[in-house]
Amino acid sequence: MYLRKAPFLKFGRVIGNVVSTIKYEKLQGIRLAVVEPLDPDGNSIGSTEIVGDWLGAAVGNLVIWIADGEAIGTVVGRKNVPLRGSIVGIIDKIDMEKSGIVIKG
């Protein structure tokens, strides 16, 4: 029996935007952002990703994003969107008691 993984929530920082005058039809009207994946301490992990941004995150914003192409269609109400990631939240602040870390977006 096949069980699809639940969407994986990730932390990241928007480090840029992608401007494209010509796009694949299913990407029309979708803003694209460049996200740097971060660990909960704010350290860069992994390589940057181009993700869909329906929330209008600005460069420098901390964000929550999902890395599940199938889930994106559900979140945004479009089927077969050719994206592997999408911003689903803009972070104002992260408080973690365990390490005493406070990260502000």
PDB file of N, CA and C in Angstrom:
ATOM      1  N   MET A   1       0.842  -1.181   0.000  1.00  0.00           N
ATOM      2  CA  MET A   1       0.000   0.000   0.000  1.00  0.00           C
ATOM      3  C   MET A   1       0.890   1.248   0.000  1.00  0.00           C
ATOM      4  N   TYR A   2       0.567   2.202  -0.855  1.00  0.00           N
ATOM      5  CA  TYR A   2       1.352   3.426  -0.975  1.00  0.00           C
ATOM      6  C   TYR A   2       0.784   4.492  -0.055  1.00  0.00           C
ATOM      7  N   LEU A   3       1.622   5.071   0.790  1.00  0.00           N
ATOM      8  CA  LEU A   3       1.219   6.184   1.648  1.00  0.00           C
ATOM      9  C   LEU A   3       2.045   7.403   1.270  1.00  0.00           C
ATOM     10  N   ARG A   4       1.381   8.443   0.815  1.00  0.00           N
ATOM     11  CA  ARG A   4       2.077   9.668   0.446  1.00  0.00           C
ATOM     12  C   ARG A   4       2.506  10.387   1.709  1.00  0.00           C
ATOM     13  N   LYS A   5       3.718  10.923   1.701  1.00  0.00           N
ATOM     14  CA  LYS A   5       4.207  11.687   2.854  1.00  0.00           C
ATOM     15  C   LYS A   5       3.378  12.946   3.039  1.00  0.00           C
ATOM     16  N   ALA A   6       3.203  13.342   4.279  1.00  0.00           N
ATOM     17  CA  ALA A   6       2.523  14.610   4.572  1.00  0.00           C
ATOM     18  C   ALA A   6       3.419  15.753   4.111  1.00  0.00           C
ATOM     19  N   PRO A   7       2.821  16.887   3.744  1.00  0.00           N
ATOM     20  CA  PRO A   7       3.650  18.033   3.342  1.00  0.00           C
ATOM     21  C   PRO A   7       4.660  18.371   4.431  1.00  0.00           C
ATOM     22  N   PHE A   8       5.846  18.666   4.027  1.00  0.00           N
ATOM     23  CA  PHE A   8       6.934  18.930   4.948  1.00  0.00           C
ATOM     24  C   PHE A   8       7.102  20.434   5.091  1.00  0.00           C
ATOM     25  N   LEU A   9       6.858  20.958   6.287  1.00  0.00           N
ATOM     26  CA  LEU A   9       7.020  22.388   6.530  1.00  0.00           C
ATOM     27  C   LEU A   9       8.488  22.706   6.775  1.00  0.00           C
ATOM     28  N   LYS A  10       8.953  23.792   6.158  1.00  0.00           N
ATOM     29  CA  LYS A  10      10.346  24.198   6.294  1.00  0.00           C
ATOM     30  C   LYS A  10      10.424  25.674   6.650  1.00  0.00           C
ATOM     31  N   PHE A  11      11.529  26.051   7.306  1.00  0.00           N
ATOM     32  CA  PHE A  11      11.837  27.461   7.553  1.00  0.00           C
ATOM     33  C   PHE A  11      12.687  27.960   6.397  1.00  0.00           C
ATOM     34  N   GLY A  12      12.589  29.246   6.106  1.00  0.00           N
ATOM     35  CA  GLY A  12      13.462  29.820   5.091  1.00  0.00           C
ATOM     36  C   GLY A  12      13.438  31.332   5.150  1.00  0.00           C
ATOM     37  N   ARG A  13      14.320  31.938   4.363  1.00  0.00           N
ATOM     38  CA  ARG A  13      14.367  33.393   4.231  1.00  0.00           C
ATOM     39  C   ARG A  13      14.290  33.710   2.746  1.00  0.00           C
ATOM     40  N   VAL A  14      13.417  34.650   2.395  1.00  0.00           N
ATOM     41  CA  VAL A  14      13.319  35.083   1.002  1.00  0.00           C
ATOM     42  C   VAL A  14      14.557  35.926   0.705  1.00  0.00           C
ATOM     43  N   ILE A  15      15.316  35.510  -0.310  1.00  0.00           N
ATOM     44  CA  ILE A  15      16.536  36.243  -0.661  1.00  0.00           C
ATOM     45  C   ILE A  15      16.443  36.890  -2.041  1.00  0.00           C
ATOM     46  N   GLY A  16      15.324  36.681  -2.721  1.00  0.00           N
ATOM     47  CA  GLY A  16      15.167  37.294  -4.035  1.00  0.00           C
ATOM     48  C   GLY A  16      13.838  36.941  -4.665  1.00  0.00           C
ATOM     49  N   ASN A  17      13.574  37.554  -5.797  1.00  0.00           N
ATOM     50  CA  ASN A  17      12.370  37.287  -6.578  1.00  0.00           C
ATOM     51  C   ASN A  17      12.782  36.904  -7.986  1.00  0.00           C
ATOM     52  N   VAL A  18      11.932  36.155  -8.654  1.00  0.00           N
ATOM     53  CA  VAL A  18      12.184  35.762 -10.034  1.00  0.00           C
ATOM     54  C   VAL A  18      11.209  36.526 -10.915  1.00  0.00           C
ATOM     55  N   VAL A  19      11.742  37.242 -11.890  1.00  0.00           N
ATOM     56  CA  VAL A  19      10.902  37.962 -12.845  1.00  0.00           C
ATOM     57  C   VAL A  19      10.964  37.205 -14.158  1.00  0.00           C
ATOM     58  N   SER A  20       9.798  36.806 -14.651  1.00  0.00           N
ATOM     59  CA  SER A  20       9.726  36.040 -15.888  1.00  0.00           C
ATOM     60  C   SER A  20       8.551  36.545 -16.712  1.00  0.00           C
ATOM     61  N   THR A  21       8.845  37.134 -17.851  1.00  0.00           N
ATOM     62  CA  THR A  21       7.762  37.662 -18.692  1.00  0.00           C
ATOM     63  C   THR A  21       7.067  36.553 -19.462  1.00  0.00           C
ATOM     64  N   ILE A  22       7.762  35.460 -19.701  1.00  0.00           N
ATOM     65  CA  ILE A  22       7.160  34.318 -20.383  1.00  0.00           C
ATOM     66  C   ILE A  22       7.245  33.129 -19.437  1.00  0.00           C
ATOM     67  N   LYS A  23       6.074  32.542 -19.134  1.00  0.00           N
ATOM     68  CA  LYS A  23       6.011  31.416 -18.202  1.00  0.00           C
ATOM     69  C   LYS A  23       5.144  30.320 -18.792  1.00  0.00           C
ATOM     70  N   TYR A  24       5.351  29.124 -18.279  1.00  0.00           N
ATOM     71  CA  TYR A  24       4.460  28.014 -18.565  1.00  0.00           C
ATOM     72  C   TYR A  24       3.057  28.431 -18.135  1.00  0.00           C
ATOM     73  N   GLU A  25       2.058  28.052 -18.897  1.00  0.00           N
ATOM     74  CA  GLU A  25       0.665  28.484 -18.681  1.00  0.00           C
ATOM     75  C   GLU A  25       0.195  28.348 -17.232  1.00  0.00           C
ATOM     76  N   LYS A  26       0.497  27.248 -16.582  1.00  0.00           N
ATOM     77  CA  LYS A  26       0.016  27.030 -15.206  1.00  0.00           C
ATOM     78  C   LYS A  26       0.727  27.909 -14.182  1.00  0.00           C
ATOM     79  N   LEU A  27       1.807  28.584 -14.585  1.00  0.00           N
ATOM     80  CA  LEU A  27       2.518  29.489 -13.680  1.00  0.00           C
ATOM     81  C   LEU A  27       2.098  30.941 -13.860  1.00  0.00           C
ATOM     82  N   GLN A  28       1.244  31.211 -14.846  1.00  0.00           N
ATOM     83  CA  GLN A  28       0.793  32.586 -15.074  1.00  0.00           C
ATOM     84  C   GLN A  28       0.106  33.120 -13.818  1.00  0.00           C
ATOM     85  N   GLY A  29       0.468  34.330 -13.424  1.00  0.00           N
ATOM     86  CA  GLY A  29      -0.145  34.966 -12.261  1.00  0.00           C
ATOM     87  C   GLY A  29       0.439  34.549 -10.925  1.00  0.00           C
ATOM     88  N   ILE A  30       1.421  33.661 -10.941  1.00  0.00           N
ATOM     89  CA  ILE A  30       2.042  33.209  -9.696  1.00  0.00           C
ATOM     90  C   ILE A  30       3.369  33.938  -9.515  1.00  0.00           C
ATOM     91  N   ARG A  31       3.519  34.604  -8.389  1.00  0.00           N
ATOM     92  CA  ARG A  31       4.775  35.271  -8.055  1.00  0.00           C
ATOM     93  C   ARG A  31       5.771  34.200  -7.629  1.00  0.00           C
ATOM     94  N   LEU A  32       7.006  34.330  -8.064  1.00  0.00           N
ATOM     95  CA  LEU A  32       8.042  33.360  -7.715  1.00  0.00           C
ATOM     96  C   LEU A  32       9.094  34.024  -6.836  1.00  0.00           C
ATOM     97  N   ALA A  33       9.495  33.328  -5.787  1.00  0.00           N
ATOM     98  CA  ALA A  33      10.490  33.854  -4.849  1.00  0.00           C
ATOM     99  C   ALA A  33      11.643  32.866  -4.726  1.00  0.00           C
ATOM    100  N   VAL A  34      12.815  33.381  -4.414  1.00  0.00           N
ATOM    101  CA  VAL A  34      13.980  32.543  -4.142  1.00  0.00           C
ATOM    102  C   VAL A  34      14.106  32.446  -2.623  1.00  0.00           C
ATOM    103  N   VAL A  35      14.072  31.215  -2.109  1.00  0.00           N
ATOM    104  CA  VAL A  35      14.110  30.982  -0.663  1.00  0.00           C
ATOM    105  C   VAL A  35      15.383  30.224  -0.291  1.00  0.00           C
ATOM    106  N   GLU A  36      16.036  30.712   0.757  1.00  0.00           N
ATOM    107  CA  GLU A  36      17.196  30.039   1.334  1.00  0.00           C
ATOM    108  C   GLU A  36      16.696  29.219   2.522  1.00  0.00           C
ATOM    109  N   PRO A  37      16.794  27.877   2.471  1.00  0.00           N
ATOM    110  CA  PRO A  37      16.351  27.054   3.598  1.00  0.00           C
ATOM    111  C   PRO A  37      17.192  27.331   4.846  1.00  0.00           C
ATOM    112  N   LEU A  38      16.520  27.389   6.005  1.00  0.00           N
ATOM    113  CA  LEU A  38      17.191  27.661   7.279  1.00  0.00           C
ATOM    114  C   LEU A  38      16.832  26.605   8.307  1.00  0.00           C
ATOM    115  N   ASP A  39      17.745  26.378   9.252  1.00  0.00           N
ATOM    116  CA  ASP A  39      17.398  25.548  10.403  1.00  0.00           C
ATOM    117  C   ASP A  39      16.739  26.463  11.444  1.00  0.00           C
ATOM    118  N   PRO A  40      16.178  25.907  12.527  1.00  0.00           N
ATOM    119  CA  PRO A  40      15.506  26.756  13.521  1.00  0.00           C
ATOM    120  C   PRO A  40      16.405  27.803  14.175  1.00  0.00           C
ATOM    121  N   ASP A  41      17.729  27.627  14.089  1.00  0.00           N
ATOM    122  CA  ASP A  41      18.657  28.618  14.634  1.00  0.00           C
ATOM    123  C   ASP A  41      18.945  29.746  13.650  1.00  0.00           C
ATOM    124  N   GLY A  42      18.397  29.647  12.438  1.00  0.00           N
ATOM    125  CA  GLY A  42      18.611  30.687  11.436  1.00  0.00           C
ATOM    126  C   GLY A  42      19.819  30.463  10.553  1.00  0.00           C
ATOM    127  N   ASN A  43      20.441  29.280  10.651  1.00  0.00           N
ATOM    128  CA  ASN A  43      21.604  28.956   9.820  1.00  0.00           C
ATOM    129  C   ASN A  43      21.160  28.391   8.477  1.00  0.00           C
ATOM    130  N   SER A  44      21.856  28.767   7.425  1.00  0.00           N
ATOM    131  CA  SER A  44      21.554  28.280   6.087  1.00  0.00           C
ATOM    132  C   SER A  44      21.809  26.778   5.995  1.00  0.00           C
ATOM    133  N   ILE A  45      20.851  26.060   5.395  1.00  0.00           N
ATOM    134  CA  ILE A  45      21.010  24.618   5.166  1.00  0.00           C
ATOM    135  C   ILE A  45      20.531  24.313   3.753  1.00  0.00           C
ATOM    136  N   GLY A  46      21.278  23.587   3.019  1.00  0.00           N
ATOM    137  CA  GLY A  46      20.859  23.206   1.680  1.00  0.00           C
ATOM    138  C   GLY A  46      20.963  24.337   0.674  1.00  0.00           C
ATOM    139  N   SER A  47      20.539  24.035  -0.539  1.00  0.00           N
ATOM    140  CA  SER A  47      20.622  25.012  -1.619  1.00  0.00           C
ATOM    141  C   SER A  47      19.312  25.788  -1.746  1.00  0.00           C
ATOM    142  N   THR A  48      19.394  26.939  -2.407  1.00  0.00           N
ATOM    143  CA  THR A  48      18.212  27.788  -2.564  1.00  0.00           C
ATOM    144  C   THR A  48      17.171  27.104  -3.440  1.00  0.00           C
ATOM    145  N   GLU A  49      15.929  27.523  -3.273  1.00  0.00           N
ATOM    146  CA  GLU A  49      14.809  26.967  -4.027  1.00  0.00           C
ATOM    147  C   GLU A  49      13.989  28.104  -4.621  1.00  0.00           C
ATOM    148  N   ILE A  50      13.436  27.878  -5.798  1.00  0.00           N
ATOM    149  CA  ILE A  50      12.460  28.805  -6.370  1.00  0.00           C
ATOM    150  C   ILE A  50      11.091  28.248  -6.010  1.00  0.00           C
ATOM    151  N   VAL A  51      10.289  29.059  -5.325  1.00  0.00           N
ATOM    152  CA  VAL A  51       8.989  28.605  -4.827  1.00  0.00           C
ATOM    153  C   VAL A  51       7.893  29.590  -5.215  1.00  0.00           C
ATOM    154  N   GLY A  52       6.665  29.117  -5.217  1.00  0.00           N
ATOM    155  CA  GLY A  52       5.526  29.998  -5.448  1.00  0.00           C
ATOM    156  C   GLY A  52       5.251  30.836  -4.211  1.00  0.00           C
ATOM    157  N   ASP A  53       4.811  32.068  -4.442  1.00  0.00           N
ATOM    158  CA  ASP A  53       4.536  32.973  -3.316  1.00  0.00           C
ATOM    159  C   ASP A  53       3.207  33.677  -3.546  1.00  0.00           C
ATOM    160  N   TRP A  54       2.160  33.177  -2.909  1.00  0.00           N
ATOM    161  CA  TRP A  54       0.831  33.772  -3.015  1.00  0.00           C
ATOM    162  C   TRP A  54       0.604  34.801  -1.912  1.00  0.00           C
ATOM    163  N   LEU A  55       1.543  34.915  -0.974  1.00  0.00           N
ATOM    164  CA  LEU A  55       1.360  35.794   0.183  1.00  0.00           C
ATOM    165  C   LEU A  55       2.062  37.138   0.050  1.00  0.00           C
ATOM    166  N   GLY A  56       2.953  37.272  -0.917  1.00  0.00           N
ATOM    167  CA  GLY A  56       3.649  38.540  -1.114  1.00  0.00           C
ATOM    168  C   GLY A  56       4.786  38.774  -0.136  1.00  0.00           C
ATOM    169  N   ALA A  57       5.533  37.724   0.186  1.00  0.00           N
ATOM    170  CA  ALA A  57       6.676  37.869   1.097  1.00  0.00           C
ATOM    171  C   ALA A  57       7.732  38.773   0.463  1.00  0.00           C
ATOM    172  N   ALA A  58       8.337  39.614   1.282  1.00  0.00           N
ATOM    173  CA  ALA A  58       9.373  40.537   0.807  1.00  0.00           C
ATOM    174  C   ALA A  58      10.750  39.914   1.002  1.00  0.00           C
ATOM    175  N   VAL A  59      11.714  40.405   0.244  1.00  0.00           N
ATOM    176  CA  VAL A  59      13.097  39.964   0.427  1.00  0.00           C
ATOM    177  C   VAL A  59      13.491  40.246   1.879  1.00  0.00           C
ATOM    178  N   GLY A  60      14.064  39.248   2.529  1.00  0.00           N
ATOM    179  CA  GLY A  60      14.457  39.360   3.931  1.00  0.00           C
ATOM    180  C   GLY A  60      13.465  38.736   4.891  1.00  0.00           C
ATOM    181  N   ASN A  61      12.206  38.507   4.452  1.00  0.00           N
ATOM    182  CA  ASN A  61      11.212  37.894   5.333  1.00  0.00           C
ATOM    183  C   ASN A  61      11.565  36.447   5.650  1.00  0.00           C
ATOM    184  N   LEU A  62      11.342  36.055   6.910  1.00  0.00           N
ATOM    185  CA  LEU A  62      11.381  34.647   7.278  1.00  0.00           C
ATOM    186  C   LEU A  62      10.041  34.051   6.890  1.00  0.00           C
ATOM    187  N   VAL A  63      10.068  32.840   6.323  1.00  0.00           N
ATOM    188  CA  VAL A  63       8.837  32.226   5.841  1.00  0.00           C
ATOM    189  C   VAL A  63       8.769  30.759   6.237  1.00  0.00           C
ATOM    190  N   ILE A  64       7.544  30.240   6.205  1.00  0.00           N
ATOM    191  CA  ILE A  64       7.294  28.806   6.290  1.00  0.00           C
ATOM    192  C   ILE A  64       6.927  28.394   4.875  1.00  0.00           C
ATOM    193  N   TRP A  65       7.551  27.339   4.389  1.00  0.00           N
ATOM    194  CA  TRP A  65       7.224  26.879   3.042  1.00  0.00           C
ATOM    195  C   TRP A  65       7.116  25.362   3.021  1.00  0.00           C
ATOM    196  N   ILE A  66       6.356  24.871   2.060  1.00  0.00           N
ATOM    197  CA  ILE A  66       6.203  23.432   1.906  1.00  0.00           C
ATOM    198  C   ILE A  66       6.976  22.997   0.677  1.00  0.00           C
ATOM    199  N   ALA A  67       7.522  21.810   0.759  1.00  0.00           N
ATOM    200  CA  ALA A  67       8.279  21.247  -0.355  1.00  0.00           C
ATOM    201  C   ALA A  67       7.561  19.996  -0.840  1.00  0.00           C
ATOM    202  N   ASP A  68       6.367  20.171  -1.344  1.00  0.00           N
ATOM    203  CA  ASP A  68       5.558  19.051  -1.814  1.00  0.00           C
ATOM    204  C   ASP A  68       4.703  19.549  -2.968  1.00  0.00           C
ATOM    205  N   GLY A  69       5.107  19.217  -4.182  1.00  0.00           N
ATOM    206  CA  GLY A  69       4.408  19.694  -5.367  1.00  0.00           C
ATOM    207  C   GLY A  69       2.926  19.358  -5.394  1.00  0.00           C
ATOM    208  N   GLU A  70       2.571  18.167  -4.950  1.00  0.00           N
ATOM    209  CA  GLU A  70       1.168  17.760  -4.960  1.00  0.00           C
ATOM    210  C   GLU A  70       0.345  18.568  -3.958  1.00  0.00           C
ATOM    211  N   ALA A  71       0.912  18.833  -2.798  1.00  0.00           N
ATOM    212  CA  ALA A  71       0.201  19.598  -1.768  1.00  0.00           C
ATOM    213  C   ALA A  71      -0.034  21.040  -2.195  1.00  0.00           C
ATOM    214  N   ILE A  72       0.868  21.586  -3.002  1.00  0.00           N
ATOM    215  CA  ILE A  72       0.717  22.971  -3.449  1.00  0.00           C
ATOM    216  C   ILE A  72      -0.595  23.155  -4.190  1.00  0.00           C
ATOM    217  N   GLY A  73      -0.924  22.215  -5.062  1.00  0.00           N
ATOM    218  CA  GLY A  73      -2.184  22.295  -5.797  1.00  0.00           C
ATOM    219  C   GLY A  73      -3.380  22.365  -4.866  1.00  0.00           C
ATOM    220  N   THR A  74      -3.328  21.614  -3.773  1.00  0.00           N
ATOM    221  CA  THR A  74      -4.402  21.629  -2.787  1.00  0.00           C
ATOM    222  C   THR A  74      -4.453  22.965  -2.059  1.00  0.00           C
ATOM    223  N   VAL A  75      -3.294  23.465  -1.657  1.00  0.00           N
ATOM    224  CA  VAL A  75      -3.221  24.715  -0.899  1.00  0.00           C
ATOM    225  C   VAL A  75      -3.738  25.892  -1.717  1.00  0.00           C
ATOM    226  N   VAL A  76      -3.370  25.958  -2.985  1.00  0.00           N
ATOM    227  CA  VAL A  76      -3.721  27.126  -3.805  1.00  0.00           C
ATOM    228  C   VAL A  76      -4.917  26.898  -4.718  1.00  0.00           C
ATOM    229  N   GLY A  77      -5.476  25.707  -4.693  1.00  0.00           N
ATOM    230  CA  GLY A  77      -6.667  25.436  -5.492  1.00  0.00           C
ATOM    231  C   GLY A  77      -6.412  25.292  -6.984  1.00  0.00           C
ATOM    232  N   ARG A  78      -5.209  24.912  -7.353  1.00  0.00           N
ATOM    233  CA  ARG A  78      -4.869  24.662  -8.759  1.00  0.00           C
ATOM    234  C   ARG A  78      -4.247  23.280  -8.857  1.00  0.00           C
ATOM    235  N   LYS A  79      -4.655  22.532  -9.851  1.00  0.00           N
ATOM    236  CA  LYS A  79      -4.091  21.198 -10.039  1.00  0.00           C
ATOM    237  C   LYS A  79      -2.890  21.257 -10.966  1.00  0.00           C
ATOM    238  N   ASN A  80      -1.935  20.373 -10.734  1.00  0.00           N
ATOM    239  CA  ASN A  80      -0.766  20.194 -11.596  1.00  0.00           C
ATOM    240  C   ASN A  80       0.062  21.456 -11.802  1.00  0.00           C
ATOM    241  N   VAL A  81       0.267  22.214 -10.737  1.00  0.00           N
ATOM    242  CA  VAL A  81       1.140  23.385 -10.808  1.00  0.00           C
ATOM    243  C   VAL A  81       2.579  22.870 -10.776  1.00  0.00           C
ATOM    244  N   PRO A  82       3.408  23.235 -11.762  1.00  0.00           N
ATOM    245  CA  PRO A  82       4.767  22.684 -11.828  1.00  0.00           C
ATOM    246  C   PRO A  82       5.752  23.374 -10.877  1.00  0.00           C
ATOM    247  N   LEU A  83       5.467  23.281  -9.579  1.00  0.00           N
ATOM    248  CA  LEU A  83       6.347  23.842  -8.556  1.00  0.00           C
ATOM    249  C   LEU A  83       6.638  22.771  -7.520  1.00  0.00           C
ATOM    250  N   ARG A  84       7.827  22.813  -6.955  1.00  0.00           N
ATOM    251  CA  ARG A  84       8.181  21.883  -5.887  1.00  0.00           C
ATOM    252  C   ARG A  84       8.063  22.512  -4.520  1.00  0.00           C
ATOM    253  N   GLY A  85       7.828  23.826  -4.458  1.00  0.00           N
ATOM    254  CA  GLY A  85       7.726  24.496  -3.174  1.00  0.00           C
ATOM    255  C   GLY A  85       6.803  25.690  -3.233  1.00  0.00           C
ATOM    256  N   SER A  86       6.243  26.045  -2.073  1.00  0.00           N
ATOM    257  CA  SER A  86       5.355  27.201  -1.987  1.00  0.00           C
ATOM    258  C   SER A  86       5.406  27.794  -0.585  1.00  0.00           C
ATOM    259  N   ILE A  87       5.444  29.126  -0.525  1.00  0.00           N
ATOM    260  CA  ILE A  87       5.390  29.819   0.759  1.00  0.00           C
ATOM    261  C   ILE A  87       3.958  29.728   1.288  1.00  0.00           C
ATOM    262  N   VAL A  88       3.818  29.271   2.539  1.00  0.00           N
ATOM    263  CA  VAL A  88       2.490  29.143   3.139  1.00  0.00           C
ATOM    264  C   VAL A  88       2.338  29.994   4.399  1.00  0.00           C
ATOM    265  N   GLY A  89       3.398  30.699   4.799  1.00  0.00           N
ATOM    266  CA  GLY A  89       3.317  31.570   5.969  1.00  0.00           C
ATOM    267  C   GLY A  89       4.494  32.522   6.030  1.00  0.00           C
ATOM    268  N   ILE A  90       4.242  33.726   6.540  1.00  0.00           N
ATOM    269  CA  ILE A  90       5.302  34.702   6.776  1.00  0.00           C
ATOM    270  C   ILE A  90       5.486  34.778   8.290  1.00  0.00           C
ATOM    271  N   ILE A  91       6.715  34.560   8.753  1.00  0.00           N
ATOM    272  CA  ILE A  91       7.006  34.465  10.185  1.00  0.00           C
ATOM    273  C   ILE A  91       7.287  35.848  10.763  1.00  0.00           C
ATOM    274  N   ASP A  92       6.605  36.168  11.850  1.00  0.00           N
ATOM    275  CA  ASP A  92       6.882  37.405  12.575  1.00  0.00           C
ATOM    276  C   ASP A  92       7.990  37.189  13.597  1.00  0.00           C
ATOM    277  N   LYS A  93       7.923  36.056  14.313  1.00  0.00           N
ATOM    278  CA  LYS A  93       8.889  35.790  15.375  1.00  0.00           C
ATOM    279  C   LYS A  93       8.859  34.308  15.715  1.00  0.00           C
ATOM    280  N   ILE A  94      10.016  33.765  16.084  1.00  0.00           N
ATOM    281  CA  ILE A  94      10.113  32.380  16.544  1.00  0.00           C
ATOM    282  C   ILE A  94      10.682  32.413  17.957  1.00  0.00           C
ATOM    283  N   ASP A  95       9.973  31.831  18.914  1.00  0.00           N
ATOM    284  CA  ASP A  95      10.467  31.692  20.286  1.00  0.00           C
ATOM    285  C   ASP A  95      10.650  30.203  20.560  1.00  0.00           C
ATOM    286  N   MET A  96      11.815  29.816  21.029  1.00  0.00           N
ATOM    287  CA  MET A  96      12.059  28.421  21.373  1.00  0.00           C
ATOM    288  C   MET A  96      12.677  28.371  22.758  1.00  0.00           C
ATOM    289  N   GLU A  97      11.946  27.828  23.726  1.00  0.00           N
ATOM    290  CA  GLU A  97      12.423  27.761  25.108  1.00  0.00           C
ATOM    291  C   GLU A  97      13.678  26.923  25.253  1.00  0.00           C
ATOM    292  N   LYS A  98      13.737  25.831  24.523  1.00  0.00           N
ATOM    293  CA  LYS A  98      14.834  24.878  24.670  1.00  0.00           C
ATOM    294  C   LYS A  98      16.201  25.547  24.539  1.00  0.00           C
ATOM    295  N   SER A  99      16.349  26.388  23.532  1.00  0.00           N
ATOM    296  CA  SER A  99      17.660  26.994  23.307  1.00  0.00           C
ATOM    297  C   SER A  99      17.698  28.475  23.655  1.00  0.00           C
ATOM    298  N   GLY A 100      16.549  29.028  24.019  1.00  0.00           N
ATOM    299  CA  GLY A 100      16.503  30.445  24.339  1.00  0.00           C
ATOM    300  C   GLY A 100      16.624  31.341  23.121  1.00  0.00           C
ATOM    301  N   ILE A 101      16.404  30.775  21.954  1.00  0.00           N
ATOM    302  CA  ILE A 101      16.574  31.519  20.700  1.00  0.00           C
ATOM    303  C   ILE A 101      15.331  32.342  20.404  1.00  0.00           C
ATOM    304  N   VAL A 102      15.523  33.539  19.968  1.00  0.00           N
ATOM    305  CA  VAL A 102      14.433  34.369  19.467  1.00  0.00           C
ATOM    306  C   VAL A 102      14.878  34.896  18.116  1.00  0.00           C
ATOM    307  N   ILE A 103      14.155  34.520  17.076  1.00  0.00           N
ATOM    308  CA  ILE A 103      14.453  34.991  15.726  1.00  0.00           C
ATOM    309  C   ILE A 103      13.315  35.887  15.296  1.00  0.00           C
ATOM    310  N   LYS A 104      13.602  37.079  14.870  1.00  0.00           N
ATOM    311  CA  LYS A 104      12.564  37.985  14.385  1.00  0.00           C
ATOM    312  C   LYS A 104      12.680  38.125  12.883  1.00  0.00           C
ATOM    313  N   GLY A 105      11.520  38.084  12.209  1.00  0.00           N
ATOM    314  CA  GLY A 105      11.487  38.191  10.757  1.00  0.00           C
ATOM    315  C   GLY A 105      11.619  39.601  10.281  1.00  0.00           C
TER     316      GLY A 105
END
